[in-house]
Amino acid sequence: MTAAVTDELRRRGIGDAAASLAAKTGSAVYRVAFQRWVNAADDLDLRDTISQSFAMLRALIAAH
C-alpha cells in the first residue's frame, strides 16, 4: 500500500523523497492508530483515532 501511495504522489508531481516520506509516515501513523483502536477497551472510532494520531505527530514535530 505504501508503494502505491508513493507512486500516486509521484504521478501528482511530488518529488521522490517527499512522496516516499509522506507515504511511509502516513502508513506508520495508520498502523499506530489501528493498534490503538484494536486494543481499546472502549468504543473508539477508527477515523477519530487516526486523526488523533496525526495530531500527536504534529504536536511532536512542533515541539522539536
N, C-alpha and C. Protein backbone atom coordinates (compact mmCIF):
# COMPACT_ATOMS: atom_id res chain seq x y z
N MET A 1 0.82 -1.18 0.00
CA MET A 1 0.00 0.00 0.00
C MET A 1 0.87 1.26 0.00
N THR A 2 1.94 1.22 0.77
CA THR A 2 2.84 2.38 0.82
C THR A 2 3.43 2.68 -0.56
N ALA A 3 3.80 1.63 -1.28
CA ALA A 3 4.36 1.82 -2.61
C ALA A 3 3.33 2.44 -3.55
N ALA A 4 2.09 2.00 -3.44
CA ALA A 4 1.03 2.55 -4.30
C ALA A 4 0.80 4.03 -4.00
N VAL A 5 0.79 4.39 -2.73
CA VAL A 5 0.60 5.79 -2.35
C VAL A 5 1.79 6.62 -2.83
N THR A 6 3.00 6.08 -2.67
CA THR A 6 4.20 6.78 -3.13
C THR A 6 4.12 7.03 -4.64
N ASP A 7 3.75 6.00 -5.38
CA ASP A 7 3.64 6.15 -6.83
C ASP A 7 2.60 7.19 -7.22
N GLU A 8 1.46 7.17 -6.54
CA GLU A 8 0.41 8.14 -6.86
C GLU A 8 0.86 9.56 -6.54
N LEU A 9 1.54 9.75 -5.44
CA LEU A 9 2.06 11.08 -5.11
C LEU A 9 3.05 11.54 -6.16
N ARG A 10 3.90 10.64 -6.62
CA ARG A 10 4.86 10.99 -7.69
C ARG A 10 4.12 11.40 -8.96
N ARG A 11 3.07 10.65 -9.30
CA ARG A 11 2.29 10.99 -10.50
C ARG A 11 1.64 12.36 -10.37
N ARG A 12 1.41 12.79 -9.14
CA ARG A 12 0.79 14.10 -8.90
C ARG A 12 1.83 15.21 -8.78
N GLY A 13 3.08 14.89 -9.06
CA GLY A 13 4.12 15.91 -9.10
C GLY A 13 4.93 16.07 -7.84
N ILE A 14 4.74 15.21 -6.86
CA ILE A 14 5.53 15.28 -5.64
C ILE A 14 6.87 14.61 -5.91
N GLY A 15 7.94 15.20 -5.45
CA GLY A 15 9.27 14.64 -5.64
C GLY A 15 9.43 13.28 -4.96
N ASP A 16 10.43 12.53 -5.42
CA ASP A 16 10.64 11.17 -4.92
C ASP A 16 10.79 11.10 -3.40
N ALA A 17 11.66 11.91 -2.84
CA ALA A 17 11.93 11.85 -1.40
C ALA A 17 10.69 12.26 -0.60
N ALA A 18 10.03 13.32 -1.02
CA ALA A 18 8.84 13.80 -0.30
C ALA A 18 7.70 12.79 -0.42
N ALA A 19 7.53 12.19 -1.59
CA ALA A 19 6.47 11.19 -1.78
C ALA A 19 6.71 9.98 -0.89
N SER A 20 7.93 9.53 -0.85
CA SER A 20 8.28 8.38 -0.01
C SER A 20 8.08 8.70 1.47
N LEU A 21 8.54 9.86 1.89
CA LEU A 21 8.39 10.27 3.29
C LEU A 21 6.92 10.38 3.67
N ALA A 22 6.12 11.00 2.84
CA ALA A 22 4.70 11.16 3.14
C ALA A 22 3.99 9.81 3.22
N ALA A 23 4.25 8.94 2.26
CA ALA A 23 3.59 7.64 2.24
C ALA A 23 4.00 6.80 3.44
N LYS A 24 5.27 6.78 3.75
CA LYS A 24 5.75 5.97 4.89
C LYS A 24 5.27 6.53 6.21
N THR A 25 5.23 7.85 6.33
CA THR A 25 4.73 8.48 7.56
C THR A 25 3.24 8.19 7.73
N GLY A 26 2.48 8.35 6.67
CA GLY A 26 1.05 8.05 6.73
C GLY A 26 0.79 6.61 7.11
N SER A 27 1.57 5.71 6.55
CA SER A 27 1.43 4.29 6.86
C SER A 27 1.74 4.01 8.34
N ALA A 28 2.80 4.63 8.84
CA ALA A 28 3.17 4.44 10.24
C ALA A 28 2.09 4.98 11.18
N VAL A 29 1.57 6.16 10.87
CA VAL A 29 0.51 6.75 11.69
C VAL A 29 -0.72 5.84 11.67
N TYR A 30 -1.06 5.33 10.51
CA TYR A 30 -2.21 4.42 10.42
C TYR A 30 -1.99 3.17 11.26
N ARG A 31 -0.80 2.56 11.19
CA ARG A 31 -0.51 1.35 11.97
C ARG A 31 -0.64 1.61 13.47
N VAL A 32 -0.11 2.73 13.93
CA VAL A 32 -0.21 3.07 15.36
C VAL A 32 -1.67 3.29 15.75
N ALA A 33 -2.41 4.02 14.92
CA ALA A 33 -3.83 4.28 15.21
C ALA A 33 -4.63 2.99 15.21
N PHE A 34 -4.37 2.13 14.24
CA PHE A 34 -5.10 0.86 14.15
C PHE A 34 -4.84 0.01 15.39
N GLN A 35 -3.59 -0.03 15.83
CA GLN A 35 -3.26 -0.81 17.03
C GLN A 35 -3.96 -0.24 18.26
N ARG A 36 -4.00 1.08 18.38
CA ARG A 36 -4.71 1.71 19.50
C ARG A 36 -6.19 1.36 19.43
N TRP A 37 -6.76 1.38 18.24
CA TRP A 37 -8.18 1.09 18.05
C TRP A 37 -8.49 -0.36 18.41
N VAL A 38 -7.64 -1.28 17.96
CA VAL A 38 -7.85 -2.71 18.25
C VAL A 38 -7.74 -2.98 19.75
N ASN A 39 -6.80 -2.35 20.42
CA ASN A 39 -6.55 -2.60 21.84
C ASN A 39 -7.43 -1.79 22.78
N ALA A 40 -8.24 -0.90 22.25
CA ALA A 40 -9.04 -0.01 23.10
C ALA A 40 -10.09 -0.79 23.88
N ALA A 41 -10.22 -0.42 25.13
CA ALA A 41 -11.23 -1.05 25.98
C ALA A 41 -12.61 -0.44 25.71
N ASP A 42 -12.63 0.77 25.22
CA ASP A 42 -13.91 1.43 24.94
C ASP A 42 -14.19 1.42 23.45
N ASP A 43 -15.24 2.10 23.05
CA ASP A 43 -15.71 2.09 21.67
C ASP A 43 -15.13 3.25 20.88
N LEU A 44 -13.88 3.16 20.48
CA LEU A 44 -13.24 4.22 19.71
C LEU A 44 -13.65 4.13 18.25
N ASP A 45 -13.74 5.28 17.61
CA ASP A 45 -13.96 5.34 16.18
C ASP A 45 -12.60 5.34 15.49
N LEU A 46 -12.41 4.48 14.51
CA LEU A 46 -11.10 4.38 13.86
C LEU A 46 -10.70 5.71 13.22
N ARG A 47 -11.61 6.39 12.56
CA ARG A 47 -11.27 7.68 11.93
C ARG A 47 -10.81 8.69 12.97
N ASP A 48 -11.48 8.72 14.12
CA ASP A 48 -11.07 9.63 15.18
C ASP A 48 -9.68 9.26 15.71
N THR A 49 -9.44 7.97 15.82
CA THR A 49 -8.14 7.50 16.31
C THR A 49 -7.02 7.87 15.34
N ILE A 50 -7.29 7.76 14.05
CA ILE A 50 -6.30 8.17 13.04
C ILE A 50 -6.06 9.67 13.14
N SER A 51 -7.11 10.46 13.25
CA SER A 51 -6.97 11.92 13.40
C SER A 51 -6.17 12.28 14.64
N GLN A 52 -6.44 11.60 15.74
CA GLN A 52 -5.71 11.85 16.98
C GLN A 52 -4.23 11.50 16.81
N SER A 53 -3.95 10.43 16.10
CA SER A 53 -2.56 10.02 15.89
C SER A 53 -1.82 11.04 15.04
N PHE A 54 -2.47 11.56 13.99
CA PHE A 54 -1.84 12.62 13.19
C PHE A 54 -1.64 13.88 14.04
N ALA A 55 -2.58 14.18 14.91
CA ALA A 55 -2.45 15.34 15.80
C ALA A 55 -1.26 15.16 16.74
N MET A 56 -1.07 13.95 17.26
CA MET A 56 0.08 13.68 18.12
C MET A 56 1.38 13.89 17.36
N LEU A 57 1.41 13.44 16.10
CA LEU A 57 2.62 13.62 15.28
C LEU A 57 2.89 15.10 15.04
N ARG A 58 1.84 15.86 14.71
CA ARG A 58 2.02 17.31 14.50
C ARG A 58 2.54 17.98 15.77
N ALA A 59 2.00 17.60 16.92
CA ALA A 59 2.45 18.18 18.20
C ALA A 59 3.90 17.82 18.47
N LEU A 60 4.27 16.61 18.17
CA LEU A 60 5.65 16.17 18.37
C LEU A 60 6.60 16.96 17.48
N ILE A 61 6.22 17.14 16.24
CA ILE A 61 7.07 17.90 15.30
C ILE A 61 7.17 19.35 15.74
N ALA A 62 6.06 19.95 16.16
CA ALA A 62 6.04 21.34 16.59
C ALA A 62 6.91 21.56 17.84
N ALA A 63 6.96 20.55 18.70
CA ALA A 63 7.71 20.68 19.96
C ALA A 63 9.21 20.55 19.77
N HIS A 64 9.62 20.08 18.61
CA HIS A 64 11.07 19.86 18.40
C HIS A 64 11.49 20.64 17.22
